[in-house]
Amino acid sequence: MSTLLLEVEPTAVEAVVTEDDLTVYLADGRRIAVPLAWYPRLLHASAVERQYWQLLGEGYAIEWPDLDEHIGIEGLLAGRPSGESPQSLKRWLDSRRAKTGDSA
């Protein structure tokens, strides 16, 4: 197992979520794009929900409060997708369906 050592803590300044990708813009000018499938809560969210995000701290993470999704920038750069278990995701999806009355 390798350890990611960073000389400067990366911080986010902007996030853009499309139907397929999450792109995070960093304070140092870099940007990183990952498939939305890495974050199932974002994948299952509406376009409106995907756009309501906020930075945590000085940008060490991004949070989607309505989705209870938090993505740390270091983990994103290390290539770590969501660690949510299938059971947890199913409970979350079932909860969403119950709130909207959707039977799908």
PDB file of N, CA and C in Angstrom:
ATOM      1  N   MET A   1       0.846  -1.168   0.000  1.00  0.00           N
ATOM      2  CA  MET A   1       0.000   0.000   0.000  1.00  0.00           C
ATOM      3  C   MET A   1       0.893   1.232   0.000  1.00  0.00           C
ATOM      4  N   SER A   2       0.591   2.165  -0.880  1.00  0.00           N
ATOM      5  CA  SER A   2       1.378   3.392  -0.940  1.00  0.00           C
ATOM      6  C   SER A   2       0.660   4.501  -0.200  1.00  0.00           C
ATOM      7  N   THR A   3       1.419   5.482   0.192  1.00  0.00           N
ATOM      8  CA  THR A   3       0.867   6.636   0.887  1.00  0.00           C
ATOM      9  C   THR A   3       1.102   7.862   0.037  1.00  0.00           C
ATOM     10  N   LEU A   4       0.087   8.658  -0.112  1.00  0.00           N
ATOM     11  CA  LEU A   4       0.184   9.891  -0.878  1.00  0.00           C
ATOM     12  C   LEU A   4       0.750  10.973   0.028  1.00  0.00           C
ATOM     13  N   LEU A   5       1.907  11.512  -0.339  1.00  0.00           N
ATOM     14  CA  LEU A   5       2.509  12.596   0.420  1.00  0.00           C
ATOM     15  C   LEU A   5       2.386  13.872  -0.388  1.00  0.00           C
ATOM     16  N   LEU A   6       1.796  14.876   0.213  1.00  0.00           N
ATOM     17  CA  LEU A   6       1.584  16.132  -0.479  1.00  0.00           C
ATOM     18  C   LEU A   6       2.396  17.231   0.175  1.00  0.00           C
ATOM     19  N   GLU A   7       3.066  18.040  -0.646  1.00  0.00           N
ATOM     20  CA  GLU A   7       3.842  19.153  -0.112  1.00  0.00           C
ATOM     21  C   GLU A   7       2.937  20.299   0.300  1.00  0.00           C
ATOM     22  N   VAL A   8       1.858  20.485  -0.441  1.00  0.00           N
ATOM     23  CA  VAL A   8       0.892  21.528  -0.144  1.00  0.00           C
ATOM     24  C   VAL A   8      -0.483  20.882  -0.145  1.00  0.00           C
ATOM     25  N   GLU A   9      -1.274  21.157   0.881  1.00  0.00           N
ATOM     26  CA  GLU A   9      -2.612  20.585   0.925  1.00  0.00           C
ATOM     27  C   GLU A   9      -3.454  21.162  -0.208  1.00  0.00           C
ATOM     28  N   PRO A  10      -3.981  20.307  -1.077  1.00  0.00           N
ATOM     29  CA  PRO A  10      -4.788  20.803  -2.190  1.00  0.00           C
ATOM     30  C   PRO A  10      -6.133  21.316  -1.691  1.00  0.00           C
ATOM     31  N   THR A  11      -6.584  22.396  -2.278  1.00  0.00           N
ATOM     32  CA  THR A  11      -7.882  22.941  -1.909  1.00  0.00           C
ATOM     33  C   THR A  11      -8.699  23.214  -3.161  1.00  0.00           C
ATOM     34  N   ALA A  12      -9.980  22.981  -3.033  1.00  0.00           N
ATOM     35  CA  ALA A  12     -10.914  23.201  -4.137  1.00  0.00           C
ATOM     36  C   ALA A  12     -11.438  24.622  -4.097  1.00  0.00           C
ATOM     37  N   VAL A  13     -11.752  25.139  -5.285  1.00  0.00           N
ATOM     38  CA  VAL A  13     -12.386  26.453  -5.381  1.00  0.00           C
ATOM     39  C   VAL A  13     -13.716  26.384  -6.133  1.00  0.00           C
ATOM     40  N   GLU A  14     -13.923  25.307  -6.880  1.00  0.00           N
ATOM     41  CA  GLU A  14     -15.129  25.192  -7.702  1.00  0.00           C
ATOM     42  C   GLU A  14     -15.383  23.722  -8.004  1.00  0.00           C
ATOM     43  N   ALA A  15     -16.656  23.377  -8.152  1.00  0.00           N
ATOM     44  CA  ALA A  15     -17.043  22.034  -8.576  1.00  0.00           C
ATOM     45  C   ALA A  15     -18.096  22.167  -9.666  1.00  0.00           C
ATOM     46  N   VAL A  16     -17.961  21.339 -10.686  1.00  0.00           N
ATOM     47  CA  VAL A  16     -18.944  21.305 -11.774  1.00  0.00           C
ATOM     48  C   VAL A  16     -19.362  19.846 -11.930  1.00  0.00           C
ATOM     49  N   VAL A  17     -20.669  19.625 -11.851  1.00  0.00           N
ATOM     50  CA  VAL A  17     -21.195  18.267 -11.966  1.00  0.00           C
ATOM     51  C   VAL A  17     -22.103  18.206 -13.185  1.00  0.00           C
ATOM     52  N   THR A  18     -21.776  17.290 -14.100  1.00  0.00           N
ATOM     53  CA  THR A  18     -22.613  17.049 -15.270  1.00  0.00           C
ATOM     54  C   THR A  18     -23.293  15.694 -15.088  1.00  0.00           C
ATOM     55  N   GLU A  19     -23.984  15.240 -16.106  1.00  0.00           N
ATOM     56  CA  GLU A  19     -24.616  13.915 -16.041  1.00  0.00           C
ATOM     57  C   GLU A  19     -23.585  12.798 -15.964  1.00  0.00           C
ATOM     58  N   ASP A  20     -22.358  13.063 -16.426  1.00  0.00           N
ATOM     59  CA  ASP A  20     -21.345  12.013 -16.511  1.00  0.00           C
ATOM     60  C   ASP A  20     -20.138  12.200 -15.612  1.00  0.00           C
ATOM     61  N   ASP A  21     -19.803  13.450 -15.270  1.00  0.00           N
ATOM     62  CA  ASP A  21     -18.531  13.715 -14.603  1.00  0.00           C
ATOM     63  C   ASP A  21     -18.656  14.698 -13.450  1.00  0.00           C
ATOM     64  N   LEU A  22     -17.707  14.575 -12.531  1.00  0.00           N
ATOM     65  CA  LEU A  22     -17.472  15.580 -11.502  1.00  0.00           C
ATOM     66  C   LEU A  22     -16.115  16.190 -11.822  1.00  0.00           C
ATOM     67  N   THR A  23     -16.078  17.498 -12.012  1.00  0.00           N
ATOM     68  CA  THR A  23     -14.820  18.203 -12.246  1.00  0.00           C
ATOM     69  C   THR A  23     -14.620  19.164 -11.094  1.00  0.00           C
ATOM     70  N   VAL A  24     -13.448  19.066 -10.476  1.00  0.00           N
ATOM     71  CA  VAL A  24     -13.111  19.935  -9.351  1.00  0.00           C
ATOM     72  C   VAL A  24     -11.929  20.798  -9.767  1.00  0.00           C
ATOM     73  N   TYR A  25     -12.083  22.092  -9.575  1.00  0.00           N
ATOM     74  CA  TYR A  25     -11.040  23.060  -9.879  1.00  0.00           C
ATOM     75  C   TYR A  25     -10.315  23.382  -8.586  1.00  0.00           C
ATOM     76  N   LEU A  26      -8.990  23.291  -8.627  1.00  0.00           N
ATOM     77  CA  LEU A  26      -8.170  23.499  -7.437  1.00  0.00           C
ATOM     78  C   LEU A  26      -7.586  24.908  -7.398  1.00  0.00           C
ATOM     79  N   ALA A  27      -7.240  25.348  -6.210  1.00  0.00           N
ATOM     80  CA  ALA A  27      -6.708  26.694  -6.005  1.00  0.00           C
ATOM     81  C   ALA A  27      -5.400  26.917  -6.769  1.00  0.00           C
ATOM     82  N   ASP A  28      -4.642  25.854  -7.007  1.00  0.00           N
ATOM     83  CA  ASP A  28      -3.353  26.005  -7.702  1.00  0.00           C
ATOM     84  C   ASP A  28      -3.485  25.970  -9.223  1.00  0.00           C
ATOM     85  N   GLY A  29      -4.721  25.943  -9.736  1.00  0.00           N
ATOM     86  CA  GLY A  29      -4.932  25.976 -11.181  1.00  0.00           C
ATOM     87  C   GLY A  29      -5.215  24.630 -11.817  1.00  0.00           C
ATOM     88  N   ARG A  30      -4.978  23.556 -11.087  1.00  0.00           N
ATOM     89  CA  ARG A  30      -5.276  22.236 -11.650  1.00  0.00           C
ATOM     90  C   ARG A  30      -6.769  21.979 -11.602  1.00  0.00           C
ATOM     91  N   ARG A  31      -7.191  20.998 -12.395  1.00  0.00           N
ATOM     92  CA  ARG A  31      -8.555  20.494 -12.312  1.00  0.00           C
ATOM     93  C   ARG A  31      -8.487  18.984 -12.471  1.00  0.00           C
ATOM     94  N   ILE A  32      -9.402  18.339 -11.813  1.00  0.00           N
ATOM     95  CA  ILE A  32      -9.463  16.885 -11.893  1.00  0.00           C
ATOM     96  C   ILE A  32     -10.895  16.491 -12.195  1.00  0.00           C
ATOM     97  N   ALA A  33     -11.048  15.588 -13.142  1.00  0.00           N
ATOM     98  CA  ALA A  33     -12.381  15.104 -13.520  1.00  0.00           C
ATOM     99  C   ALA A  33     -12.428  13.601 -13.274  1.00  0.00           C
ATOM    100  N   VAL A  34     -13.535  13.163 -12.690  1.00  0.00           N
ATOM    101  CA  VAL A  34     -13.741  11.739 -12.427  1.00  0.00           C
ATOM    102  C   VAL A  34     -15.148  11.371 -12.880  1.00  0.00           C
ATOM    103  N   PRO A  35     -15.358  10.098 -13.188  1.00  0.00           N
ATOM    104  CA  PRO A  35     -16.694   9.670 -13.596  1.00  0.00           C
ATOM    105  C   PRO A  35     -17.678   9.821 -12.434  1.00  0.00           C
ATOM    106  N   LEU A  36     -18.863  10.265 -12.732  1.00  0.00           N
ATOM    107  CA  LEU A  36     -19.886  10.433 -11.703  1.00  0.00           C
ATOM    108  C   LEU A  36     -20.221   9.088 -11.057  1.00  0.00           C
ATOM    109  N   ALA A  37     -20.013   8.006 -11.766  1.00  0.00           N
ATOM    110  CA  ALA A  37     -20.268   6.674 -11.213  1.00  0.00           C
ATOM    111  C   ALA A  37     -19.427   6.407  -9.966  1.00  0.00           C
ATOM    112  N   TRP A  38     -18.331   7.150  -9.771  1.00  0.00           N
ATOM    113  CA  TRP A  38     -17.523   7.000  -8.563  1.00  0.00           C
ATOM    114  C   TRP A  38     -18.298   7.424  -7.321  1.00  0.00           C
ATOM    115  N   TYR A  39     -19.306   8.257  -7.499  1.00  0.00           N
ATOM    116  CA  TYR A  39     -20.066   8.807  -6.376  1.00  0.00           C
ATOM    117  C   TYR A  39     -21.553   8.573  -6.634  1.00  0.00           C
ATOM    118  N   PRO A  40     -22.063   7.397  -6.258  1.00  0.00           N
ATOM    119  CA  PRO A  40     -23.437   7.019  -6.599  1.00  0.00           C
ATOM    120  C   PRO A  40     -24.505   8.002  -6.133  1.00  0.00           C
ATOM    121  N   ARG A  41     -24.287   8.682  -5.016  1.00  0.00           N
ATOM    122  CA  ARG A  41     -25.305   9.639  -4.582  1.00  0.00           C
ATOM    123  C   ARG A  41     -25.410  10.796  -5.569  1.00  0.00           C
ATOM    124  N   LEU A  42     -24.291  11.225  -6.104  1.00  0.00           N
ATOM    125  CA  LEU A  42     -24.331  12.266  -7.136  1.00  0.00           C
ATOM    126  C   LEU A  42     -24.940  11.720  -8.418  1.00  0.00           C
ATOM    127  N   LEU A  43     -24.609  10.490  -8.737  1.00  0.00           N
ATOM    128  CA  LEU A  43     -25.133   9.858  -9.950  1.00  0.00           C
ATOM    129  C   LEU A  43     -26.667   9.782  -9.913  1.00  0.00           C
ATOM    130  N   HIS A  44     -27.232   9.485  -8.740  1.00  0.00           N
ATOM    131  CA  HIS A  44     -28.682   9.341  -8.596  1.00  0.00           C
ATOM    132  C   HIS A  44     -29.388  10.651  -8.276  1.00  0.00           C
ATOM    133  N   ALA A  45     -28.648  11.712  -8.098  1.00  0.00           N
ATOM    134  CA  ALA A  45     -29.238  13.009  -7.748  1.00  0.00           C
ATOM    135  C   ALA A  45     -29.821  13.693  -8.974  1.00  0.00           C
ATOM    136  N   SER A  46     -30.706  14.623  -8.704  1.00  0.00           N
ATOM    137  CA  SER A  46     -31.237  15.443  -9.799  1.00  0.00           C
ATOM    138  C   SER A  46     -30.192  16.484 -10.199  1.00  0.00           C
ATOM    139  N   ALA A  47     -30.387  17.075 -11.355  1.00  0.00           N
ATOM    140  CA  ALA A  47     -29.466  18.128 -11.813  1.00  0.00           C
ATOM    141  C   ALA A  47     -29.437  19.285 -10.821  1.00  0.00           C
ATOM    142  N   VAL A  48     -30.575  19.621 -10.255  1.00  0.00           N
ATOM    143  CA  VAL A  48     -30.644  20.713  -9.273  1.00  0.00           C
ATOM    144  C   VAL A  48     -29.862  20.340  -8.016  1.00  0.00           C
ATOM    145  N   GLU A  49     -30.043  19.120  -7.529  1.00  0.00           N
ATOM    146  CA  GLU A  49     -29.324  18.680  -6.325  1.00  0.00           C
ATOM    147  C   GLU A  49     -27.815  18.671  -6.540  1.00  0.00           C
ATOM    148  N   ARG A  50     -27.385  18.293  -7.735  1.00  0.00           N
ATOM    149  CA  ARG A  50     -25.943  18.252  -8.029  1.00  0.00           C
ATOM    150  C   ARG A  50     -25.306  19.632  -7.979  1.00  0.00           C
ATOM    151  N   GLN A  51     -26.090  20.652  -8.251  1.00  0.00           N
ATOM    152  CA  GLN A  51     -25.537  22.009  -8.302  1.00  0.00           C
ATOM    153  C   GLN A  51     -25.465  22.677  -6.934  1.00  0.00           C
ATOM    154  N   TYR A  52     -26.127  22.113  -5.924  1.00  0.00           N
ATOM    155  CA  TYR A  52     -26.111  22.700  -4.591  1.00  0.00           C
ATOM    156  C   TYR A  52     -25.010  22.052  -3.756  1.00  0.00           C
ATOM    157  N   TRP A  53     -23.836  22.629  -3.831  1.00  0.00           N
ATOM    158  CA  TRP A  53     -22.677  22.137  -3.091  1.00  0.00           C
ATOM    159  C   TRP A  53     -22.061  23.300  -2.341  1.00  0.00           C
ATOM    160  N   GLN A  54     -21.193  22.964  -1.381  1.00  0.00           N
ATOM    161  CA  GLN A  54     -20.445  23.997  -0.676  1.00  0.00           C
ATOM    162  C   GLN A  54     -19.084  23.445  -0.296  1.00  0.00           C
ATOM    163  N   LEU A  55     -18.132  24.358  -0.188  1.00  0.00           N
ATOM    164  CA  LEU A  55     -16.794  23.977   0.239  1.00  0.00           C
ATOM    165  C   LEU A  55     -16.778  23.856   1.754  1.00  0.00           C
ATOM    166  N   LEU A  56     -16.021  22.900   2.245  1.00  0.00           N
ATOM    167  CA  LEU A  56     -15.813  22.762   3.682  1.00  0.00           C
ATOM    168  C   LEU A  56     -14.452  23.353   4.025  1.00  0.00           C
ATOM    169  N   GLY A  57     -14.400  24.058   5.138  1.00  0.00           N
ATOM    170  CA  GLY A  57     -13.148  24.685   5.548  1.00  0.00           C
ATOM    171  C   GLY A  57     -12.649  25.626   4.474  1.00  0.00           C
ATOM    172  N   GLU A  58     -11.400  25.551   4.203  1.00  0.00           N
ATOM    173  CA  GLU A  58     -10.781  26.377   3.162  1.00  0.00           C
ATOM    174  C   GLU A  58     -10.780  25.666   1.812  1.00  0.00           C
ATOM    175  N   GLY A  59     -11.641  24.673   1.667  1.00  0.00           N
ATOM    176  CA  GLY A  59     -11.721  23.935   0.407  1.00  0.00           C
ATOM    177  C   GLY A  59     -11.091  22.560   0.481  1.00  0.00           C
ATOM    178  N   TYR A  60     -10.907  22.025   1.692  1.00  0.00           N
ATOM    179  CA  TYR A  60     -10.309  20.691   1.820  1.00  0.00           C
ATOM    180  C   TYR A  60     -11.285  19.594   1.381  1.00  0.00           C
ATOM    181  N   ALA A  61     -12.592  19.943   1.291  1.00  0.00           N
ATOM    182  CA  ALA A  61     -13.604  18.974   0.869  1.00  0.00           C
ATOM    183  C   ALA A  61     -14.784  19.724   0.262  1.00  0.00           C
ATOM    184  N   ILE A  62     -15.611  18.968  -0.447  1.00  0.00           N
ATOM    185  CA  ILE A  62     -16.841  19.501  -1.028  1.00  0.00           C
ATOM    186  C   ILE A  62     -17.986  18.699  -0.438  1.00  0.00           C
ATOM    187  N   GLU A  63     -19.059  19.403  -0.102  1.00  0.00           N
ATOM    188  CA  GLU A  63     -20.223  18.766   0.503  1.00  0.00           C
ATOM    189  C   GLU A  63     -21.470  19.092  -0.305  1.00  0.00           C
ATOM    190  N   TRP A  64     -22.303  18.085  -0.483  1.00  0.00           N
ATOM    191  CA  TRP A  64     -23.648  18.247  -1.023  1.00  0.00           C
ATOM    192  C   TRP A  64     -24.585  17.942   0.136  1.00  0.00           C
ATOM    193  N   PRO A  65     -24.988  18.962   0.896  1.00  0.00           N
ATOM    194  CA  PRO A  65     -25.743  18.722   2.130  1.00  0.00           C
ATOM    195  C   PRO A  65     -27.064  17.988   1.911  1.00  0.00           C
ATOM    196  N   ASP A  66     -27.766  18.269   0.836  1.00  0.00           N
ATOM    197  CA  ASP A  66     -29.047  17.602   0.587  1.00  0.00           C
ATOM    198  C   ASP A  66     -28.882  16.118   0.266  1.00  0.00           C
ATOM    199  N   LEU A  67     -27.683  15.733  -0.145  1.00  0.00           N
ATOM    200  CA  LEU A  67     -27.411  14.343  -0.512  1.00  0.00           C
ATOM    201  C   LEU A  67     -26.605  13.610   0.548  1.00  0.00           C
ATOM    202  N   ASP A  68     -26.167  14.336   1.571  1.00  0.00           N
ATOM    203  CA  ASP A  68     -25.283  13.793   2.600  1.00  0.00           C
ATOM    204  C   ASP A  68     -24.035  13.179   1.960  1.00  0.00           C
ATOM    205  N   GLU A  69     -23.474  13.899   0.999  1.00  0.00           N
ATOM    206  CA  GLU A  69     -22.268  13.468   0.285  1.00  0.00           C
ATOM    207  C   GLU A  69     -21.144  14.433   0.591  1.00  0.00           C
ATOM    208  N   HIS A  70     -19.989  13.884   0.971  1.00  0.00           N
ATOM    209  CA  HIS A  70     -18.802  14.681   1.273  1.00  0.00           C
ATOM    210  C   HIS A  70     -17.628  14.045   0.541  1.00  0.00           C
ATOM    211  N   ILE A  71     -16.907  14.848  -0.229  1.00  0.00           N
ATOM    212  CA  ILE A  71     -15.774  14.336  -0.993  1.00  0.00           C
ATOM    213  C   ILE A  71     -14.541  15.140  -0.608  1.00  0.00           C
ATOM    214  N   GLY A  72     -13.571  14.450  -0.022  1.00  0.00           N
ATOM    215  CA  GLY A  72     -12.306  15.082   0.344  1.00  0.00           C
ATOM    216  C   GLY A  72     -11.420  15.233  -0.878  1.00  0.00           C
ATOM    217  N   ILE A  73     -10.748  16.361  -0.973  1.00  0.00           N
ATOM    218  CA  ILE A  73      -9.906  16.636  -2.140  1.00  0.00           C
ATOM    219  C   ILE A  73      -8.704  15.700  -2.190  1.00  0.00           C
ATOM    220  N   GLU A  74      -8.083  15.418  -1.055  1.00  0.00           N
ATOM    221  CA  GLU A  74      -6.946  14.489  -1.060  1.00  0.00           C
ATOM    222  C   GLU A  74      -7.362  13.117  -1.580  1.00  0.00           C
ATOM    223  N   GLY A  75      -8.515  12.624  -1.157  1.00  0.00           N
ATOM    224  CA  GLY A  75      -9.000  11.333  -1.639  1.00  0.00           C
ATOM    225  C   GLY A  75      -9.300  11.353  -3.124  1.00  0.00           C
ATOM    226  N   LEU A  76      -9.852  12.460  -3.583  1.00  0.00           N
ATOM    227  CA  LEU A  76     -10.132  12.621  -5.006  1.00  0.00           C
ATOM    228  C   LEU A  76      -8.842  12.538  -5.810  1.00  0.00           C
ATOM    229  N   LEU A  77      -7.816  13.259  -5.356  1.00  0.00           N
ATOM    230  CA  LEU A  77      -6.537  13.236  -6.049  1.00  0.00           C
ATOM    231  C   LEU A  77      -5.853  11.870  -5.970  1.00  0.00           C
ATOM    232  N   ALA A  78      -6.120  11.135  -4.897  1.00  0.00           N
ATOM    233  CA  ALA A  78      -5.532   9.802  -4.745  1.00  0.00           C
ATOM    234  C   ALA A  78      -6.286   8.754  -5.561  1.00  0.00           C
ATOM    235  N   GLY A  79      -7.404   9.153  -6.179  1.00  0.00           N
ATOM    236  CA  GLY A  79      -8.152   8.213  -7.010  1.00  0.00           C
ATOM    237  C   GLY A  79      -9.069   7.301  -6.225  1.00  0.00           C
ATOM    238  N   ARG A  80      -9.546   7.760  -5.070  1.00  0.00           N
ATOM    239  CA  ARG A  80     -10.430   6.940  -4.250  1.00  0.00           C
ATOM    240  C   ARG A  80     -11.893   7.293  -4.518  1.00  0.00           C
ATOM    241  N   PRO A  81     -12.640   6.363  -5.103  1.00  0.00           N
ATOM    242  CA  PRO A  81     -14.077   6.601  -5.278  1.00  0.00           C
ATOM    243  C   PRO A  81     -14.800   6.464  -3.942  1.00  0.00           C
ATOM    244  N   SER A  82     -16.083   6.652  -3.955  1.00  0.00           N
ATOM    245  CA  SER A  82     -16.895   6.532  -2.747  1.00  0.00           C
ATOM    246  C   SER A  82     -16.667   5.187  -2.085  1.00  0.00           C
ATOM    247  N   GLY A  83     -16.593   5.203  -0.771  1.00  0.00           N
ATOM    248  CA  GLY A  83     -16.442   3.961  -0.018  1.00  0.00           C
ATOM    249  C   GLY A  83     -17.769   3.476   0.548  1.00  0.00           C
ATOM    250  N   GLU A  84     -18.869   4.069   0.084  1.00  0.00           N
ATOM    251  CA  GLU A  84     -20.173   3.695   0.612  1.00  0.00           C
ATOM    252  C   GLU A  84     -20.518   2.262   0.229  1.00  0.00           C
ATOM    253  N   SER A  85     -21.019   1.522   1.192  1.00  0.00           N
ATOM    254  CA  SER A  85     -21.386   0.126   0.938  1.00  0.00           C
ATOM    255  C   SER A  85     -22.666   0.063   0.108  1.00  0.00           C
ATOM    256  N   PRO A  86     -22.850  -1.022  -0.620  1.00  0.00           N
ATOM    257  CA  PRO A  86     -24.094  -1.187  -1.387  1.00  0.00           C
ATOM    258  C   PRO A  86     -25.332  -1.142  -0.489  1.00  0.00           C
ATOM    259  N   GLN A  87     -25.237  -1.676   0.723  1.00  0.00           N
ATOM    260  CA  GLN A  87     -26.372  -1.667   1.641  1.00  0.00           C
ATOM    261  C   GLN A  87     -26.726  -0.240   2.055  1.00  0.00           C
ATOM    262  N   SER A  88     -25.719   0.576   2.339  1.00  0.00           N
ATOM    263  CA  SER A  88     -25.955   1.964   2.724  1.00  0.00           C
ATOM    264  C   SER A  88     -26.581   2.741   1.563  1.00  0.00           C
ATOM    265  N   LEU A  89     -26.068   2.536   0.359  1.00  0.00           N
ATOM    266  CA  LEU A  89     -26.626   3.213  -0.811  1.00  0.00           C
ATOM    267  C   LEU A  89     -28.081   2.800  -1.019  1.00  0.00           C
ATOM    268  N   LYS A  90     -28.375   1.505  -0.857  1.00  0.00           N
ATOM    269  CA  LYS A  90     -29.753   1.037  -1.021  1.00  0.00           C
ATOM    270  C   LYS A  90     -30.675   1.705  -0.003  1.00  0.00           C
ATOM    271  N   ARG A  91     -30.248   1.809   1.243  1.00  0.00           N
ATOM    272  CA  ARG A  91     -31.074   2.475   2.260  1.00  0.00           C
ATOM    273  C   ARG A  91     -31.320   3.932   1.878  1.00  0.00           C
ATOM    274  N   TRP A  92     -30.283   4.591   1.381  1.00  0.00           N
ATOM    275  CA  TRP A  92     -30.410   5.991   0.981  1.00  0.00           C
ATOM    276  C   TRP A  92     -31.382   6.130  -0.191  1.00  0.00           C
ATOM    277  N   LEU A  93     -31.228   5.260  -1.189  1.00  0.00           N
ATOM    278  CA  LEU A  93     -32.132   5.299  -2.350  1.00  0.00           C
ATOM    279  C   LEU A  93     -33.572   4.998  -1.929  1.00  0.00           C
ATOM    280  N   ASP A  94     -33.759   4.013  -1.053  1.00  0.00           N
ATOM    281  CA  ASP A  94     -35.103   3.696  -0.567  1.00  0.00           C
ATOM    282  C   ASP A  94     -35.704   4.884   0.165  1.00  0.00           C
ATOM    283  N   SER A  95     -34.903   5.568   0.945  1.00  0.00           N
ATOM    284  CA  SER A  95     -35.362   6.752   1.679  1.00  0.00           C
ATOM    285  C   SER A  95     -35.809   7.848   0.716  1.00  0.00           C
ATOM    286  N   ARG A  96     -35.039   8.044  -0.351  1.00  0.00           N
ATOM    287  CA  ARG A  96     -35.399   9.052  -1.365  1.00  0.00           C
ATOM    288  C   ARG A  96     -36.715   8.693  -2.036  1.00  0.00           C
ATOM    289  N   ARG A  97     -36.865   7.426  -2.380  1.00  0.00           N
ATOM    290  CA  ARG A  97     -38.095   6.980  -3.039  1.00  0.00           C
ATOM    291  C   ARG A  97     -39.298   7.182  -2.129  1.00  0.00           C
ATOM    292  N   ALA A  98     -39.124   6.889  -0.857  1.00  0.00           N
ATOM    293  CA  ALA A  98     -40.223   7.055   0.099  1.00  0.00           C
ATOM    294  C   ALA A  98     -40.638   8.522   0.210  1.00  0.00           C
ATOM    295  N   LYS A  99     -39.679   9.426   0.143  1.00  0.00           N
ATOM    296  CA  LYS A  99     -39.989  10.867   0.250  1.00  0.00           C
ATOM    297  C   LYS A  99     -40.716  11.369  -0.987  1.00  0.00           C
ATOM    298  N   THR A 100     -40.374  10.841  -2.152  1.00  0.00           N
ATOM    299  CA  THR A 100     -40.975  11.326  -3.397  1.00  0.00           C
ATOM    300  C   THR A 100     -42.163  10.491  -3.852  1.00  0.00           C
ATOM    301  N   GLY A 101     -42.348   9.324  -3.231  1.00  0.00           N
ATOM    302  CA  GLY A 101     -43.442   8.447  -3.648  1.00  0.00           C
ATOM    303  C   GLY A 101     -43.128   7.687  -4.916  1.00  0.00           C
ATOM    304  N   ASP A 102     -41.859   7.702  -5.350  1.00  0.00           N
ATOM    305  CA  ASP A 102     -41.441   7.011  -6.564  1.00  0.00           C
ATOM    306  C   ASP A 102     -41.289   5.535  -6.252  1.00  0.00           C
ATOM    307  N   SER A 103     -41.878   4.671  -7.041  1.00  0.00           N
ATOM    308  CA  SER A 103     -41.776   3.237  -6.812  1.00  0.00           C
ATOM    309  C   SER A 103     -40.687   2.578  -7.632  1.00  0.00           C
ATOM    310  N   ALA A 104     -39.952   3.363  -8.432  1.00  0.00           N
ATOM    311  CA  ALA A 104     -38.923   2.783  -9.309  1.00  0.00           C
ATOM    312  C   ALA A 104     -37.722   2.326  -8.528  1.00  0.00           C
TER     313      ALA A 104
END
